[in-house]
Amino acid sequence: MNFGFSSADKLKRGWQFDIVFRTGRRETGELVRLFFLERPSEPRKIGVTVGKKIANAPERSRGRRMLRESFRRLIPWIRDGVWVVGSLRERALPLSAKDIYMDIAPMLKRRGLMKEDWPGTDWDIDSKQKQ
């Protein structure tokens, strides 16, 4: 199983983020706001954002890294045909990627965005798969 966060898995263009923000549905967790849009004929794509109003540049960069790492461990089980954007909330900035993962995973499951064979909220799943 591939746990990389490849270029093919990323939302890259501003118009892609704009479509998800304007027309997609949303789910708000304690640490992350998820925006998602059904795109049945397309592969899954993931985007991450941290607003300028909540932190300075170094803190936003760290926030994006934590959010990307959280999504990286979930990508193999996010179903195709959906675009997801995770927007980090201010209270998540000092926390770890594991804390953010534990907030994102149940939201994705609740909204039906995970595949049926998802093993659950196991942070160490990528290291177990390599063995």
N, C-alpha and C. Protein backbone atom coordinates (compact mmCIF):
# COMPACT_ATOMS: atom_id res chain seq x y z
N MET A 1 0.84 -1.18 0.00
CA MET A 1 0.00 0.00 0.00
C MET A 1 0.89 1.24 0.00
N ASN A 2 0.54 2.21 -0.82
CA ASN A 2 1.35 3.42 -0.98
C ASN A 2 0.84 4.52 -0.05
N PHE A 3 1.72 4.98 0.84
CA PHE A 3 1.35 6.03 1.78
C PHE A 3 1.96 7.37 1.41
N GLY A 4 2.39 7.52 0.16
CA GLY A 4 2.96 8.80 -0.26
C GLY A 4 1.86 9.82 -0.50
N PHE A 5 2.26 11.08 -0.57
CA PHE A 5 1.34 12.16 -0.89
C PHE A 5 1.85 12.73 -2.21
N SER A 6 1.55 12.03 -3.29
CA SER A 6 2.12 12.37 -4.59
C SER A 6 1.46 13.61 -5.17
N SER A 7 2.09 14.13 -6.18
CA SER A 7 1.58 15.31 -6.88
C SER A 7 0.20 15.02 -7.47
N ALA A 8 -0.04 13.80 -7.89
CA ALA A 8 -1.33 13.43 -8.47
C ALA A 8 -2.46 13.47 -7.45
N ASP A 9 -2.14 13.38 -6.16
CA ASP A 9 -3.15 13.39 -5.10
C ASP A 9 -3.50 14.80 -4.62
N LYS A 10 -2.81 15.83 -5.11
CA LYS A 10 -2.96 17.18 -4.55
C LYS A 10 -3.84 18.08 -5.41
N LEU A 11 -4.63 18.90 -4.73
CA LEU A 11 -5.27 20.03 -5.39
C LEU A 11 -4.19 21.10 -5.52
N LYS A 12 -4.02 21.64 -6.72
CA LYS A 12 -2.90 22.56 -6.93
C LYS A 12 -3.34 23.96 -7.35
N ARG A 13 -4.40 24.05 -8.06
CA ARG A 13 -4.81 25.32 -8.66
C ARG A 13 -5.81 26.06 -7.78
N GLY A 14 -5.77 27.36 -7.82
CA GLY A 14 -6.70 28.18 -7.05
C GLY A 14 -8.15 27.89 -7.40
N TRP A 15 -8.43 27.66 -8.69
CA TRP A 15 -9.82 27.41 -9.09
C TRP A 15 -10.34 26.10 -8.49
N GLN A 16 -9.45 25.13 -8.27
CA GLN A 16 -9.88 23.86 -7.67
C GLN A 16 -10.31 24.08 -6.22
N PHE A 17 -9.49 24.82 -5.47
CA PHE A 17 -9.84 25.14 -4.09
C PHE A 17 -11.15 25.96 -4.06
N ASP A 18 -11.26 26.90 -4.99
CA ASP A 18 -12.43 27.77 -5.06
C ASP A 18 -13.71 26.97 -5.27
N ILE A 19 -13.68 26.00 -6.17
CA ILE A 19 -14.85 25.15 -6.43
C ILE A 19 -15.25 24.40 -5.17
N VAL A 20 -14.27 23.83 -4.48
CA VAL A 20 -14.57 23.07 -3.26
C VAL A 20 -15.14 23.99 -2.19
N PHE A 21 -14.55 25.17 -1.99
CA PHE A 21 -15.03 26.09 -0.96
C PHE A 21 -16.44 26.60 -1.28
N ARG A 22 -16.71 26.90 -2.55
CA ARG A 22 -17.99 27.51 -2.91
C ARG A 22 -19.13 26.51 -3.06
N THR A 23 -18.84 25.33 -3.61
CA THR A 23 -19.94 24.41 -3.92
C THR A 23 -19.94 23.13 -3.10
N GLY A 24 -18.86 22.90 -2.36
CA GLY A 24 -18.77 21.66 -1.59
C GLY A 24 -19.50 21.72 -0.27
N ARG A 25 -19.58 20.57 0.37
CA ARG A 25 -20.15 20.48 1.72
C ARG A 25 -19.03 20.65 2.73
N ARG A 26 -19.40 20.86 3.98
CA ARG A 26 -18.38 21.06 5.00
C ARG A 26 -18.71 20.32 6.27
N GLU A 27 -17.65 20.02 6.99
CA GLU A 27 -17.75 19.36 8.29
C GLU A 27 -16.73 20.06 9.18
N THR A 28 -17.16 20.50 10.34
CA THR A 28 -16.26 21.22 11.24
C THR A 28 -15.93 20.36 12.44
N GLY A 29 -14.65 20.13 12.63
CA GLY A 29 -14.17 19.41 13.80
C GLY A 29 -13.57 20.39 14.79
N GLU A 30 -13.01 19.85 15.83
CA GLU A 30 -12.41 20.71 16.86
C GLU A 30 -11.13 21.38 16.35
N LEU A 31 -10.39 20.67 15.49
CA LEU A 31 -9.09 21.19 15.02
C LEU A 31 -9.06 21.55 13.55
N VAL A 32 -9.94 20.95 12.76
CA VAL A 32 -9.89 21.11 11.31
C VAL A 32 -11.30 21.30 10.76
N ARG A 33 -11.40 22.17 9.73
CA ARG A 33 -12.63 22.27 8.95
C ARG A 33 -12.38 21.50 7.65
N LEU A 34 -13.26 20.59 7.33
CA LEU A 34 -13.15 19.84 6.08
C LEU A 34 -14.18 20.36 5.09
N PHE A 35 -13.74 20.59 3.88
CA PHE A 35 -14.62 20.93 2.77
C PHE A 35 -14.47 19.80 1.78
N PHE A 36 -15.56 19.30 1.23
CA PHE A 36 -15.44 18.20 0.29
C PHE A 36 -16.49 18.30 -0.79
N LEU A 37 -16.13 17.81 -1.95
CA LEU A 37 -16.97 17.90 -3.13
C LEU A 37 -16.93 16.57 -3.87
N GLU A 38 -18.08 16.04 -4.21
CA GLU A 38 -18.16 14.80 -4.99
C GLU A 38 -17.80 15.12 -6.44
N ARG A 39 -16.82 14.41 -6.99
CA ARG A 39 -16.41 14.51 -8.39
C ARG A 39 -16.29 13.10 -8.93
N PRO A 40 -17.42 12.42 -9.20
CA PRO A 40 -17.43 10.98 -9.48
C PRO A 40 -16.52 10.52 -10.63
N SER A 41 -16.33 11.35 -11.63
CA SER A 41 -15.53 10.90 -12.78
C SER A 41 -14.04 11.21 -12.63
N GLU A 42 -13.64 11.72 -11.48
CA GLU A 42 -12.24 12.12 -11.30
C GLU A 42 -11.61 11.39 -10.13
N PRO A 43 -10.28 11.33 -10.10
CA PRO A 43 -9.60 10.70 -8.94
C PRO A 43 -9.72 11.59 -7.71
N ARG A 44 -9.42 11.00 -6.56
CA ARG A 44 -9.47 11.79 -5.32
C ARG A 44 -8.33 12.80 -5.33
N LYS A 45 -8.60 13.96 -4.76
CA LYS A 45 -7.59 15.01 -4.63
C LYS A 45 -7.73 15.62 -3.24
N ILE A 46 -6.58 15.99 -2.65
CA ILE A 46 -6.54 16.54 -1.31
C ILE A 46 -5.84 17.90 -1.34
N GLY A 47 -6.38 18.86 -0.61
CA GLY A 47 -5.75 20.16 -0.47
C GLY A 47 -5.67 20.53 1.00
N VAL A 48 -4.67 21.33 1.36
CA VAL A 48 -4.52 21.78 2.75
C VAL A 48 -4.36 23.30 2.76
N THR A 49 -4.98 23.94 3.76
CA THR A 49 -4.87 25.38 3.89
C THR A 49 -4.73 25.76 5.36
N VAL A 50 -4.04 26.88 5.58
CA VAL A 50 -3.98 27.50 6.89
C VAL A 50 -4.14 29.00 6.62
N GLY A 51 -5.18 29.59 7.16
CA GLY A 51 -5.49 30.99 6.88
C GLY A 51 -4.45 31.97 7.40
N LYS A 52 -4.29 33.07 6.66
CA LYS A 52 -3.31 34.10 7.05
C LYS A 52 -3.69 34.79 8.35
N LYS A 53 -4.97 34.82 8.66
CA LYS A 53 -5.42 35.53 9.86
C LYS A 53 -5.06 34.81 11.16
N ILE A 54 -4.78 33.50 11.08
CA ILE A 54 -4.60 32.76 12.33
C ILE A 54 -3.15 32.62 12.77
N ALA A 55 -2.18 32.91 11.88
CA ALA A 55 -0.79 32.71 12.29
C ALA A 55 0.16 33.43 11.34
N ASN A 56 1.41 33.57 11.80
CA ASN A 56 2.43 34.14 10.93
C ASN A 56 2.97 33.04 10.00
N ALA A 57 3.83 33.42 9.08
CA ALA A 57 4.28 32.50 8.03
C ALA A 57 4.91 31.20 8.55
N PRO A 58 5.85 31.25 9.49
CA PRO A 58 6.44 29.98 9.96
C PRO A 58 5.41 29.06 10.62
N GLU A 59 4.48 29.64 11.37
CA GLU A 59 3.46 28.81 12.02
C GLU A 59 2.50 28.21 10.99
N ARG A 60 2.17 28.98 9.95
CA ARG A 60 1.31 28.45 8.88
C ARG A 60 2.00 27.31 8.16
N SER A 61 3.29 27.47 7.90
CA SER A 61 4.04 26.40 7.21
C SER A 61 4.06 25.12 8.04
N ARG A 62 4.28 25.25 9.34
CA ARG A 62 4.26 24.09 10.22
C ARG A 62 2.86 23.47 10.23
N GLY A 63 1.84 24.30 10.27
CA GLY A 63 0.46 23.81 10.24
C GLY A 63 0.16 23.02 8.98
N ARG A 64 0.62 23.52 7.84
CA ARG A 64 0.42 22.80 6.58
C ARG A 64 1.15 21.46 6.59
N ARG A 65 2.37 21.43 7.15
CA ARG A 65 3.11 20.16 7.23
C ARG A 65 2.36 19.15 8.10
N MET A 66 1.84 19.59 9.23
CA MET A 66 1.10 18.70 10.13
C MET A 66 -0.16 18.17 9.45
N LEU A 67 -0.85 19.04 8.73
CA LEU A 67 -2.08 18.65 8.03
C LEU A 67 -1.78 17.68 6.89
N ARG A 68 -0.71 17.94 6.13
CA ARG A 68 -0.32 17.02 5.05
C ARG A 68 0.05 15.65 5.59
N GLU A 69 0.78 15.62 6.70
CA GLU A 69 1.16 14.33 7.29
C GLU A 69 -0.07 13.56 7.74
N SER A 70 -1.04 14.25 8.30
CA SER A 70 -2.27 13.59 8.73
C SER A 70 -3.01 12.99 7.53
N PHE A 71 -3.13 13.75 6.46
CA PHE A 71 -3.80 13.25 5.26
C PHE A 71 -3.00 12.13 4.60
N ARG A 72 -1.66 12.22 4.65
CA ARG A 72 -0.82 11.19 4.01
C ARG A 72 -1.16 9.80 4.54
N ARG A 73 -1.43 9.70 5.83
CA ARG A 73 -1.73 8.40 6.42
C ARG A 73 -3.15 7.94 6.10
N LEU A 74 -3.99 8.83 5.60
CA LEU A 74 -5.38 8.48 5.29
C LEU A 74 -5.63 8.29 3.79
N ILE A 75 -4.74 8.80 2.95
CA ILE A 75 -4.96 8.78 1.50
C ILE A 75 -5.31 7.40 0.94
N PRO A 76 -4.65 6.32 1.34
CA PRO A 76 -5.01 5.03 0.72
C PRO A 76 -6.47 4.62 0.95
N TRP A 77 -7.10 5.20 1.97
CA TRP A 77 -8.48 4.79 2.27
C TRP A 77 -9.53 5.83 1.94
N ILE A 78 -9.13 7.00 1.48
CA ILE A 78 -10.11 7.99 1.02
C ILE A 78 -10.57 7.54 -0.36
N ARG A 79 -11.86 7.45 -0.54
CA ARG A 79 -12.37 6.88 -1.80
C ARG A 79 -12.17 7.84 -2.96
N ASP A 80 -12.13 7.27 -4.15
CA ASP A 80 -11.99 8.08 -5.37
C ASP A 80 -13.27 8.85 -5.63
N GLY A 81 -13.16 9.87 -6.46
CA GLY A 81 -14.33 10.65 -6.83
C GLY A 81 -14.69 11.74 -5.83
N VAL A 82 -13.72 12.14 -5.01
CA VAL A 82 -14.00 13.20 -4.04
C VAL A 82 -12.78 14.12 -3.94
N TRP A 83 -13.04 15.41 -3.85
CA TRP A 83 -12.00 16.39 -3.58
C TRP A 83 -12.20 16.86 -2.15
N VAL A 84 -11.12 16.85 -1.35
CA VAL A 84 -11.19 17.23 0.06
C VAL A 84 -10.18 18.34 0.33
N VAL A 85 -10.63 19.38 1.04
CA VAL A 85 -9.72 20.43 1.49
C VAL A 85 -9.81 20.49 3.01
N GLY A 86 -8.66 20.39 3.66
CA GLY A 86 -8.59 20.53 5.12
C GLY A 86 -8.06 21.91 5.45
N SER A 87 -8.80 22.63 6.27
CA SER A 87 -8.40 23.96 6.70
C SER A 87 -8.15 23.92 8.21
N LEU A 88 -6.92 24.18 8.59
CA LEU A 88 -6.53 24.08 10.00
C LEU A 88 -7.11 25.23 10.81
N ARG A 89 -7.62 24.91 11.98
CA ARG A 89 -8.13 25.94 12.89
C ARG A 89 -7.01 26.39 13.82
N GLU A 90 -7.16 27.57 14.38
CA GLU A 90 -6.09 28.18 15.18
C GLU A 90 -5.68 27.32 16.38
N ARG A 91 -6.62 26.67 17.02
CA ARG A 91 -6.28 25.88 18.22
C ARG A 91 -5.43 24.66 17.88
N ALA A 92 -5.34 24.28 16.60
CA ALA A 92 -4.55 23.11 16.20
C ALA A 92 -3.08 23.44 15.96
N LEU A 93 -2.74 24.71 15.85
CA LEU A 93 -1.37 25.10 15.50
C LEU A 93 -0.29 24.50 16.40
N PRO A 94 -0.44 24.50 17.71
CA PRO A 94 0.64 23.94 18.54
C PRO A 94 0.60 22.41 18.67
N LEU A 95 -0.41 21.77 18.12
CA LEU A 95 -0.58 20.33 18.32
C LEU A 95 0.19 19.51 17.29
N SER A 96 0.21 18.21 17.48
CA SER A 96 0.96 17.31 16.60
C SER A 96 0.09 16.82 15.45
N ALA A 97 0.75 16.23 14.46
CA ALA A 97 0.04 15.64 13.32
C ALA A 97 -0.89 14.52 13.78
N LYS A 98 -0.49 13.80 14.81
CA LYS A 98 -1.33 12.72 15.33
C LYS A 98 -2.65 13.25 15.89
N ASP A 99 -2.59 14.37 16.61
CA ASP A 99 -3.81 14.99 17.14
C ASP A 99 -4.74 15.40 16.00
N ILE A 100 -4.16 15.97 14.96
CA ILE A 100 -4.94 16.42 13.81
C ILE A 100 -5.54 15.22 13.09
N TYR A 101 -4.76 14.16 12.93
CA TYR A 101 -5.23 12.92 12.32
C TYR A 101 -6.44 12.38 13.07
N MET A 102 -6.36 12.38 14.40
CA MET A 102 -7.46 11.85 15.22
C MET A 102 -8.72 12.71 15.10
N ASP A 103 -8.59 13.94 14.65
CA ASP A 103 -9.75 14.80 14.41
C ASP A 103 -10.32 14.57 13.00
N ILE A 104 -9.43 14.42 12.02
CA ILE A 104 -9.86 14.28 10.62
C ILE A 104 -10.50 12.92 10.33
N ALA A 105 -9.88 11.85 10.78
CA ALA A 105 -10.32 10.50 10.40
C ALA A 105 -11.79 10.23 10.72
N PRO A 106 -12.28 10.51 11.93
CA PRO A 106 -13.69 10.25 12.20
C PRO A 106 -14.64 11.10 11.36
N MET A 107 -14.22 12.33 11.03
CA MET A 107 -15.07 13.19 10.19
C MET A 107 -15.22 12.60 8.79
N LEU A 108 -14.10 12.12 8.23
CA LEU A 108 -14.15 11.51 6.90
C LEU A 108 -15.04 10.27 6.91
N LYS A 109 -14.93 9.46 7.94
CA LYS A 109 -15.74 8.24 8.06
C LYS A 109 -17.22 8.60 8.20
N ARG A 110 -17.51 9.57 9.04
CA ARG A 110 -18.89 9.99 9.28
C ARG A 110 -19.57 10.47 7.99
N ARG A 111 -18.81 11.13 7.13
CA ARG A 111 -19.35 11.65 5.88
C ARG A 111 -19.32 10.64 4.74
N GLY A 112 -18.85 9.43 5.02
CA GLY A 112 -18.85 8.38 4.00
C GLY A 112 -17.77 8.55 2.94
N LEU A 113 -16.68 9.18 3.30
CA LEU A 113 -15.60 9.44 2.35
C LEU A 113 -14.50 8.39 2.41
N MET A 114 -14.60 7.44 3.33
CA MET A 114 -13.59 6.40 3.47
C MET A 114 -14.05 5.12 2.79
N LYS A 115 -13.09 4.34 2.31
CA LYS A 115 -13.39 3.05 1.71
C LYS A 115 -13.84 2.07 2.79
N GLU A 116 -14.52 1.02 2.38
CA GLU A 116 -15.06 0.04 3.32
C GLU A 116 -13.96 -0.70 4.10
N ASP A 117 -12.79 -0.90 3.49
CA ASP A 117 -11.74 -1.68 4.14
C ASP A 117 -10.83 -0.84 5.05
N TRP A 118 -11.24 0.39 5.39
CA TRP A 118 -10.45 1.24 6.26
C TRP A 118 -10.29 0.57 7.63
N PRO A 119 -9.05 0.44 8.13
CA PRO A 119 -8.84 -0.29 9.39
C PRO A 119 -9.14 0.51 10.66
N GLY A 120 -9.51 1.77 10.54
CA GLY A 120 -9.81 2.57 11.73
C GLY A 120 -8.71 3.57 12.03
N THR A 121 -8.88 4.30 13.12
CA THR A 121 -7.96 5.39 13.45
C THR A 121 -6.67 4.87 14.10
N ASP A 122 -5.86 4.20 13.31
CA ASP A 122 -4.58 3.67 13.79
C ASP A 122 -3.46 4.53 13.22
N TRP A 123 -2.86 5.36 14.05
CA TRP A 123 -1.80 6.27 13.61
C TRP A 123 -0.61 5.53 13.03
N ASP A 124 -0.28 4.36 13.54
CA ASP A 124 0.93 3.64 13.12
C ASP A 124 0.68 2.69 11.95
N ILE A 125 -0.42 2.84 11.24
CA ILE A 125 -0.76 1.89 10.19
C ILE A 125 0.28 1.88 9.05
N ASP A 126 0.90 3.02 8.73
CA ASP A 126 1.85 3.02 7.63
C ASP A 126 3.11 2.25 7.98
N SER A 127 3.54 2.28 9.23
CA SER A 127 4.74 1.51 9.61
C SER A 127 4.43 0.01 9.68
N LYS A 128 3.20 -0.34 10.02
CA LYS A 128 2.82 -1.76 10.06
C LYS A 128 2.74 -2.35 8.65
N GLN A 129 2.33 -1.53 7.68
CA GLN A 129 2.19 -2.00 6.30
C GLN A 129 3.56 -2.28 5.66
N LYS A 130 4.59 -1.60 6.11
CA LYS A 130 5.93 -1.76 5.52
C LYS A 130 6.59 -3.06 5.96
N GLN A 131 6.15 -3.62 7.09
CA GLN A 131 6.80 -4.81 7.62
C GLN A 131 6.43 -6.06 6.86
